[in-house]
Amino acid sequence: MKVIAINGSPRKKWNTATLLEKALEGAVSEGAETEIIHLYDLNFKGCTSCFACKLKGETAMENAR
């Protein structure tokens, strides 16, 4: 089993990250493979609510191409 924790906080060593790390430690103790992903490390641009997908009748993924 693989457990992935996603940290949405910009602080990698504060409360949210600490809680996620402790949860992953519990998963490891039960034999799981774990990974933590810090969203602020990713170059990600989400939806900007431009409604282009709705105006053209397409999905957001089709507009990304």
C-alpha atoms as a PDB file:
ATOM      1  CA  MET A   1       0.000   0.000   0.000  1.00  0.00           C
ATOM      2  CA  LYS A   2       1.197   3.541  -0.706  1.00  0.00           C
ATOM      3  CA  VAL A   3       0.094   6.551   1.327  1.00  0.00           C
ATOM      4  CA  ILE A   4       0.560  10.054  -0.059  1.00  0.00           C
ATOM      5  CA  ALA A   5       0.272  13.119   2.170  1.00  0.00           C
ATOM      6  CA  ILE A   6      -0.276  16.521   0.549  1.00  0.00           C
ATOM      7  CA  ASN A   7       0.879  19.588   2.448  1.00  0.00           C
ATOM      8  CA  GLY A   8      -0.881  22.731   1.262  1.00  0.00           C
ATOM      9  CA  SER A   9       0.909  24.951   3.758  1.00  0.00           C
ATOM     10  CA  PRO A  10       3.944  26.983   2.642  1.00  0.00           C
ATOM     11  CA  ARG A  11       5.710  26.036   5.886  1.00  0.00           C
ATOM     12  CA  LYS A  12       7.420  22.657   5.597  1.00  0.00           C
ATOM     13  CA  LYS A  13       8.344  22.298   9.264  1.00  0.00           C
ATOM     14  CA  TRP A  14       5.326  23.713  11.076  1.00  0.00           C
ATOM     15  CA  ASN A  15       2.074  22.269  12.404  1.00  0.00           C
ATOM     16  CA  THR A  16       0.482  20.892   9.234  1.00  0.00           C
ATOM     17  CA  ALA A  17       3.691  19.304   7.993  1.00  0.00           C
ATOM     18  CA  THR A  18       4.425  17.883  11.453  1.00  0.00           C
ATOM     19  CA  LEU A  19       0.953  16.340  11.659  1.00  0.00           C
ATOM     20  CA  LEU A  20       1.315  14.810   8.196  1.00  0.00           C
ATOM     21  CA  GLU A  21       4.759  13.416   9.030  1.00  0.00           C
ATOM     22  CA  LYS A  22       3.403  11.798  12.207  1.00  0.00           C
ATOM     23  CA  ALA A  23       0.525  10.257  10.255  1.00  0.00           C
ATOM     24  CA  LEU A  24       2.978   8.897   7.693  1.00  0.00           C
ATOM     25  CA  GLU A  25       5.137   7.459  10.490  1.00  0.00           C
ATOM     26  CA  GLY A  26       2.076   5.501  11.615  1.00  0.00           C
ATOM     27  CA  ALA A  27       1.498   4.262   8.075  1.00  0.00           C
ATOM     28  CA  VAL A  28       5.155   3.182   7.776  1.00  0.00           C
ATOM     29  CA  SER A  29       4.861   1.273  11.054  1.00  0.00           C
ATOM     30  CA  GLU A  30       2.053  -0.728   9.417  1.00  0.00           C
ATOM     31  CA  GLY A  31       4.172  -1.473   6.343  1.00  0.00           C
ATOM     32  CA  ALA A  32       3.012   1.241   3.944  1.00  0.00           C
ATOM     33  CA  GLU A  33       5.227   3.054   1.471  1.00  0.00           C
ATOM     34  CA  THR A  34       4.806   6.798   2.018  1.00  0.00           C
ATOM     35  CA  GLU A  35       5.439  10.091   0.283  1.00  0.00           C
ATOM     36  CA  ILE A  36       4.807  13.696   1.289  1.00  0.00           C
ATOM     37  CA  ILE A  37       4.150  16.303  -1.376  1.00  0.00           C
ATOM     38  CA  HIS A  38       4.586  19.984  -0.560  1.00  0.00           C
ATOM     39  CA  LEU A  39       2.374  21.948  -2.958  1.00  0.00           C
ATOM     40  CA  TYR A  40       4.545  25.045  -2.661  1.00  0.00           C
ATOM     41  CA  ASP A  41       7.436  23.085  -4.206  1.00  0.00           C
ATOM     42  CA  LEU A  42       5.431  22.507  -7.384  1.00  0.00           C
ATOM     43  CA  ASN A  43       5.139  24.831 -10.345  1.00  0.00           C
ATOM     44  CA  PHE A  44       1.364  24.582 -10.539  1.00  0.00           C
ATOM     45  CA  LYS A  45      -1.206  26.941 -11.924  1.00  0.00           C
ATOM     46  CA  GLY A  46      -4.779  25.985 -11.255  1.00  0.00           C
ATOM     47  CA  CYS A  47      -8.057  27.201 -12.632  1.00  0.00           C
ATOM     48  CA  THR A  48      -8.308  30.987 -12.955  1.00  0.00           C
ATOM     49  CA  SER A  49     -12.111  30.970 -13.379  1.00  0.00           C
ATOM     50  CA  CYS A  50     -11.897  32.499 -16.847  1.00  0.00           C
ATOM     51  CA  PHE A  51     -14.931  30.415 -17.963  1.00  0.00           C
ATOM     52  CA  ALA A  52     -13.302  29.685 -21.336  1.00  0.00           C
ATOM     53  CA  CYS A  53     -14.233  26.031 -20.897  1.00  0.00           C
ATOM     54  CA  LYS A  54     -17.902  26.892 -20.419  1.00  0.00           C
ATOM     55  CA  LEU A  55     -18.067  29.445 -23.228  1.00  0.00           C
ATOM     56  CA  LYS A  56     -16.624  27.032 -25.773  1.00  0.00           C
ATOM     57  CA  GLY A  57     -18.491  24.010 -24.429  1.00  0.00           C
ATOM     58  CA  GLU A  58     -15.203  22.236 -23.718  1.00  0.00           C
ATOM     59  CA  THR A  59     -13.640  20.860 -20.600  1.00  0.00           C
ATOM     60  CA  ALA A  60     -10.753  22.568 -18.857  1.00  0.00           C
ATOM     61  CA  MET A  61      -8.419  19.747 -19.895  1.00  0.00           C
ATOM     62  CA  GLU A  62      -9.270  20.282 -23.561  1.00  0.00           C
ATOM     63  CA  ASN A  63      -8.389  23.978 -23.216  1.00  0.00           C
ATOM     64  CA  ALA A  64      -5.020  23.111 -21.679  1.00  0.00           C
ATOM     65  CA  ARG A  65      -3.893  21.360 -24.862  1.00  0.00           C
END
